[in-house]
Structure formats: C-alpha cells, structure tokens
Amino acid sequence: MHTVDALQAALELAQRAGYEIRNEWLGGSGGGGCELNGRRLLFLDLAQGPQEQLEIVLDALRRDPRVSAAFASAPAQASPGLRKTA
C-alpha cells in the first residue's frame, strides 16, 4: 500500500473514531490530535508530506484510549490491501 493510500485509510479511521480532520498551514511544526470543548480534532500540517502526516494520524490514534480499546477487543485479522514488508 502506498503512503498516500495508507494516509487516506488512517484518516477514514480517525473520522469513524469521531475526529474532525483539520488541514492547516502550520509551517512544518507538525500537528496532532486534541480534544477541545468535547470535540476531537486532528490537525494536519499542510507543509508536511504524506509520510509525516501519516505518522501524526497514527500517533493520535495510538494515544486515544477509545481507539486502542476498540482494536484490542477486535479479533485479529489481516486488512485487505496491507502486506508485511521486510
């Protein structure tokens, strides 16, 4: 799976988990997830490339206990289109 495809899949997962995705120009300083007034926000820095944005999204999902709990309770199964590389 290409980085852009993985980023799109991660963003879809974040949206299903209740995150509002915000694409903002942050000058390369990064982004991340936060909760503000009960809303879950995920900021992506438009100055960063797809690989950096993917890392930000995955980090936010890993840190979210609600998302982590959902994955921990889900049966392990391979995702279509994803393959392990050496």
N, C-alpha and C. Protein backbone atom coordinates (compact mmCIF):
# COMPACT_ATOMS: atom_id res chain seq x y z
N MET A 1 0.85 -1.18 0.00
CA MET A 1 0.00 0.00 0.00
C MET A 1 0.90 1.24 0.00
N HIS A 2 0.60 2.16 -0.86
CA HIS A 2 1.37 3.40 -0.94
C HIS A 2 1.05 4.30 0.24
N THR A 3 1.96 5.21 0.53
CA THR A 3 1.82 6.10 1.68
C THR A 3 0.54 6.93 1.60
N VAL A 4 0.24 7.45 0.43
CA VAL A 4 -0.96 8.28 0.28
C VAL A 4 -2.22 7.44 0.54
N ASP A 5 -2.23 6.20 0.08
CA ASP A 5 -3.37 5.32 0.32
C ASP A 5 -3.49 5.00 1.81
N ALA A 6 -2.35 4.75 2.45
CA ALA A 6 -2.35 4.45 3.89
C ALA A 6 -2.83 5.67 4.68
N LEU A 7 -2.41 6.86 4.25
CA LEU A 7 -2.85 8.09 4.91
C LEU A 7 -4.37 8.24 4.78
N GLN A 8 -4.89 8.00 3.59
CA GLN A 8 -6.34 8.11 3.38
C GLN A 8 -7.09 7.12 4.26
N ALA A 9 -6.60 5.89 4.36
CA ALA A 9 -7.25 4.88 5.20
C ALA A 9 -7.19 5.28 6.67
N ALA A 10 -6.06 5.82 7.11
CA ALA A 10 -5.92 6.25 8.50
C ALA A 10 -6.85 7.43 8.81
N LEU A 11 -6.98 8.34 7.85
CA LEU A 11 -7.89 9.48 8.05
C LEU A 11 -9.35 9.02 8.12
N GLU A 12 -9.71 8.04 7.31
CA GLU A 12 -11.07 7.50 7.37
C GLU A 12 -11.33 6.85 8.73
N LEU A 13 -10.33 6.12 9.23
CA LEU A 13 -10.46 5.50 10.55
C LEU A 13 -10.61 6.58 11.63
N ALA A 14 -9.82 7.63 11.53
CA ALA A 14 -9.89 8.73 12.51
C ALA A 14 -11.28 9.38 12.47
N GLN A 15 -11.82 9.58 11.29
CA GLN A 15 -13.16 10.16 11.19
C GLN A 15 -14.21 9.24 11.80
N ARG A 16 -14.09 7.94 11.55
CA ARG A 16 -15.04 6.98 12.16
C ARG A 16 -14.89 6.96 13.67
N ALA A 17 -13.69 7.28 14.16
CA ALA A 17 -13.46 7.32 15.61
C ALA A 17 -13.92 8.64 16.22
N GLY A 18 -14.45 9.54 15.38
CA GLY A 18 -15.03 10.77 15.89
C GLY A 18 -14.15 12.00 15.77
N TYR A 19 -13.03 11.89 15.07
CA TYR A 19 -12.15 13.05 14.90
C TYR A 19 -12.63 13.93 13.75
N GLU A 20 -12.55 15.22 13.96
CA GLU A 20 -12.75 16.20 12.90
C GLU A 20 -11.36 16.50 12.35
N ILE A 21 -11.16 16.29 11.06
CA ILE A 21 -9.85 16.49 10.45
C ILE A 21 -9.72 17.94 10.01
N ARG A 22 -8.64 18.57 10.45
CA ARG A 22 -8.36 19.97 10.07
C ARG A 22 -7.04 20.01 9.33
N ASN A 23 -7.04 20.44 8.10
CA ASN A 23 -5.83 20.64 7.31
C ASN A 23 -5.47 22.12 7.41
N GLU A 24 -4.35 22.40 8.06
CA GLU A 24 -3.95 23.78 8.32
C GLU A 24 -2.49 23.99 7.94
N TRP A 25 -2.15 25.19 7.58
CA TRP A 25 -0.76 25.54 7.33
C TRP A 25 -0.12 25.85 8.69
N LEU A 26 0.73 24.96 9.16
CA LEU A 26 1.37 25.12 10.46
C LEU A 26 2.88 25.33 10.32
N GLY A 27 3.32 25.59 9.10
CA GLY A 27 4.72 25.93 8.87
C GLY A 27 5.70 24.80 9.11
N GLY A 28 5.24 23.56 9.04
CA GLY A 28 6.13 22.43 9.23
C GLY A 28 6.34 22.03 10.67
N SER A 29 5.61 22.66 11.58
CA SER A 29 5.80 22.36 13.01
C SER A 29 5.04 21.12 13.45
N GLY A 30 4.27 20.53 12.56
CA GLY A 30 3.56 19.29 12.90
C GLY A 30 2.09 19.52 13.13
N GLY A 31 1.49 18.57 13.78
CA GLY A 31 0.07 18.62 14.07
C GLY A 31 -0.19 17.61 15.16
N GLY A 32 -1.40 17.10 15.21
CA GLY A 32 -1.72 16.07 16.19
C GLY A 32 -3.17 16.15 16.61
N GLY A 33 -3.51 15.26 17.51
CA GLY A 33 -4.87 15.18 17.99
C GLY A 33 -5.04 15.90 19.31
N CYS A 34 -6.23 16.41 19.52
CA CYS A 34 -6.57 17.05 20.79
C CYS A 34 -8.08 17.02 20.97
N GLU A 35 -8.50 17.32 22.17
CA GLU A 35 -9.94 17.45 22.44
C GLU A 35 -10.18 18.86 22.94
N LEU A 36 -11.15 19.53 22.33
CA LEU A 36 -11.45 20.91 22.65
C LEU A 36 -12.97 21.06 22.77
N ASN A 37 -13.43 21.43 23.95
CA ASN A 37 -14.87 21.59 24.20
C ASN A 37 -15.66 20.35 23.79
N GLY A 38 -15.12 19.18 24.08
CA GLY A 38 -15.81 17.94 23.78
C GLY A 38 -15.68 17.45 22.35
N ARG A 39 -14.98 18.20 21.51
CA ARG A 39 -14.77 17.80 20.11
C ARG A 39 -13.36 17.25 19.96
N ARG A 40 -13.25 16.12 19.27
CA ARG A 40 -11.94 15.56 18.98
C ARG A 40 -11.47 16.12 17.65
N LEU A 41 -10.32 16.76 17.68
CA LEU A 41 -9.75 17.39 16.49
C LEU A 41 -8.43 16.72 16.15
N LEU A 42 -8.15 16.62 14.86
CA LEU A 42 -6.88 16.12 14.38
C LEU A 42 -6.35 17.12 13.37
N PHE A 43 -5.26 17.79 13.75
CA PHE A 43 -4.66 18.81 12.89
C PHE A 43 -3.56 18.19 12.05
N LEU A 44 -3.61 18.44 10.74
CA LEU A 44 -2.56 18.02 9.82
C LEU A 44 -1.91 19.27 9.24
N ASP A 45 -0.59 19.27 9.23
CA ASP A 45 0.18 20.40 8.73
C ASP A 45 0.37 20.25 7.23
N LEU A 46 -0.19 21.20 6.46
CA LEU A 46 -0.08 21.16 5.00
C LEU A 46 1.36 21.31 4.51
N ALA A 47 2.26 21.78 5.37
CA ALA A 47 3.66 21.92 4.99
C ALA A 47 4.39 20.58 5.04
N GLN A 48 3.77 19.57 5.62
CA GLN A 48 4.40 18.25 5.73
C GLN A 48 3.93 17.35 4.61
N GLY A 49 4.76 16.36 4.30
CA GLY A 49 4.43 15.39 3.27
C GLY A 49 3.53 14.29 3.80
N PRO A 50 3.09 13.40 2.92
CA PRO A 50 2.18 12.33 3.32
C PRO A 50 2.74 11.40 4.40
N GLN A 51 4.03 11.08 4.35
CA GLN A 51 4.62 10.19 5.35
C GLN A 51 4.56 10.81 6.74
N GLU A 52 4.90 12.09 6.83
CA GLU A 52 4.86 12.78 8.13
C GLU A 52 3.43 12.91 8.63
N GLN A 53 2.51 13.21 7.73
CA GLN A 53 1.10 13.31 8.12
C GLN A 53 0.57 11.97 8.59
N LEU A 54 0.96 10.89 7.91
CA LEU A 54 0.53 9.56 8.32
C LEU A 54 1.02 9.25 9.72
N GLU A 55 2.26 9.58 10.02
CA GLU A 55 2.80 9.35 11.35
C GLU A 55 2.02 10.11 12.41
N ILE A 56 1.62 11.34 12.10
CA ILE A 56 0.83 12.15 13.03
C ILE A 56 -0.52 11.49 13.30
N VAL A 57 -1.18 11.04 12.24
CA VAL A 57 -2.50 10.42 12.39
C VAL A 57 -2.39 9.13 13.20
N LEU A 58 -1.43 8.28 12.85
CA LEU A 58 -1.28 7.01 13.56
C LEU A 58 -0.91 7.23 15.02
N ASP A 59 -0.09 8.23 15.29
CA ASP A 59 0.28 8.53 16.67
C ASP A 59 -0.96 8.96 17.47
N ALA A 60 -1.79 9.81 16.87
CA ALA A 60 -3.00 10.26 17.56
C ALA A 60 -3.94 9.09 17.84
N LEU A 61 -4.07 8.18 16.87
CA LEU A 61 -4.95 7.02 17.06
C LEU A 61 -4.40 6.09 18.14
N ARG A 62 -3.08 5.90 18.16
CA ARG A 62 -2.46 5.05 19.19
C ARG A 62 -2.66 5.61 20.58
N ARG A 63 -2.62 6.93 20.71
CA ARG A 63 -2.73 7.58 22.01
C ARG A 63 -4.17 7.68 22.52
N ASP A 64 -5.12 7.49 21.64
CA ASP A 64 -6.53 7.61 22.02
C ASP A 64 -6.98 6.30 22.65
N PRO A 65 -7.28 6.31 23.96
CA PRO A 65 -7.65 5.06 24.63
C PRO A 65 -8.91 4.42 24.06
N ARG A 66 -9.83 5.22 23.52
CA ARG A 66 -11.05 4.66 22.94
C ARG A 66 -10.74 3.87 21.68
N VAL A 67 -9.81 4.38 20.87
CA VAL A 67 -9.43 3.67 19.64
C VAL A 67 -8.61 2.44 19.99
N SER A 68 -7.67 2.58 20.91
CA SER A 68 -6.84 1.46 21.33
C SER A 68 -7.69 0.33 21.89
N ALA A 69 -8.69 0.66 22.70
CA ALA A 69 -9.57 -0.34 23.30
C ALA A 69 -10.37 -1.07 22.22
N ALA A 70 -10.81 -0.34 21.20
CA ALA A 70 -11.58 -0.95 20.13
C ALA A 70 -10.72 -1.96 19.37
N PHE A 71 -9.46 -1.63 19.13
CA PHE A 71 -8.58 -2.55 18.43
C PHE A 71 -8.20 -3.74 19.30
N ALA A 72 -8.03 -3.51 20.58
CA ALA A 72 -7.66 -4.59 21.49
C ALA A 72 -8.78 -5.62 21.60
N SER A 73 -10.04 -5.18 21.51
CA SER A 73 -11.16 -6.10 21.64
C SER A 73 -11.58 -6.71 20.31
N ALA A 74 -11.09 -6.16 19.19
CA ALA A 74 -11.45 -6.69 17.87
C ALA A 74 -10.63 -7.94 17.58
N PRO A 75 -11.22 -8.91 16.89
CA PRO A 75 -10.44 -10.10 16.52
C PRO A 75 -9.34 -9.72 15.54
N ALA A 76 -8.20 -10.37 15.68
CA ALA A 76 -7.05 -10.09 14.80
C ALA A 76 -7.35 -10.65 13.42
N GLN A 77 -7.24 -9.80 12.43
CA GLN A 77 -7.41 -10.23 11.05
C GLN A 77 -6.63 -9.31 10.15
N ALA A 78 -6.19 -9.83 9.04
CA ALA A 78 -5.39 -9.05 8.10
C ALA A 78 -6.29 -8.05 7.40
N SER A 79 -5.78 -6.85 7.22
CA SER A 79 -6.52 -5.83 6.49
C SER A 79 -6.30 -6.04 5.00
N PRO A 80 -7.35 -5.96 4.21
CA PRO A 80 -7.17 -6.11 2.76
C PRO A 80 -6.29 -5.00 2.22
N GLY A 81 -5.39 -5.36 1.36
CA GLY A 81 -4.51 -4.36 0.74
C GLY A 81 -3.25 -4.08 1.53
N LEU A 82 -3.17 -4.55 2.75
CA LEU A 82 -1.97 -4.33 3.55
C LEU A 82 -1.14 -5.59 3.56
N ARG A 83 0.15 -5.41 3.43
CA ARG A 83 1.02 -6.58 3.48
C ARG A 83 2.27 -6.22 4.26
N LYS A 84 2.82 -7.20 4.88
CA LYS A 84 4.03 -7.03 5.68
C LYS A 84 5.22 -6.96 4.74
N THR A 85 6.13 -6.04 5.01
CA THR A 85 7.35 -5.96 4.22
C THR A 85 8.54 -6.15 5.13
N ALA A 86 9.60 -6.66 4.55
CA ALA A 86 10.81 -6.90 5.35
C ALA A 86 11.60 -5.65 5.57
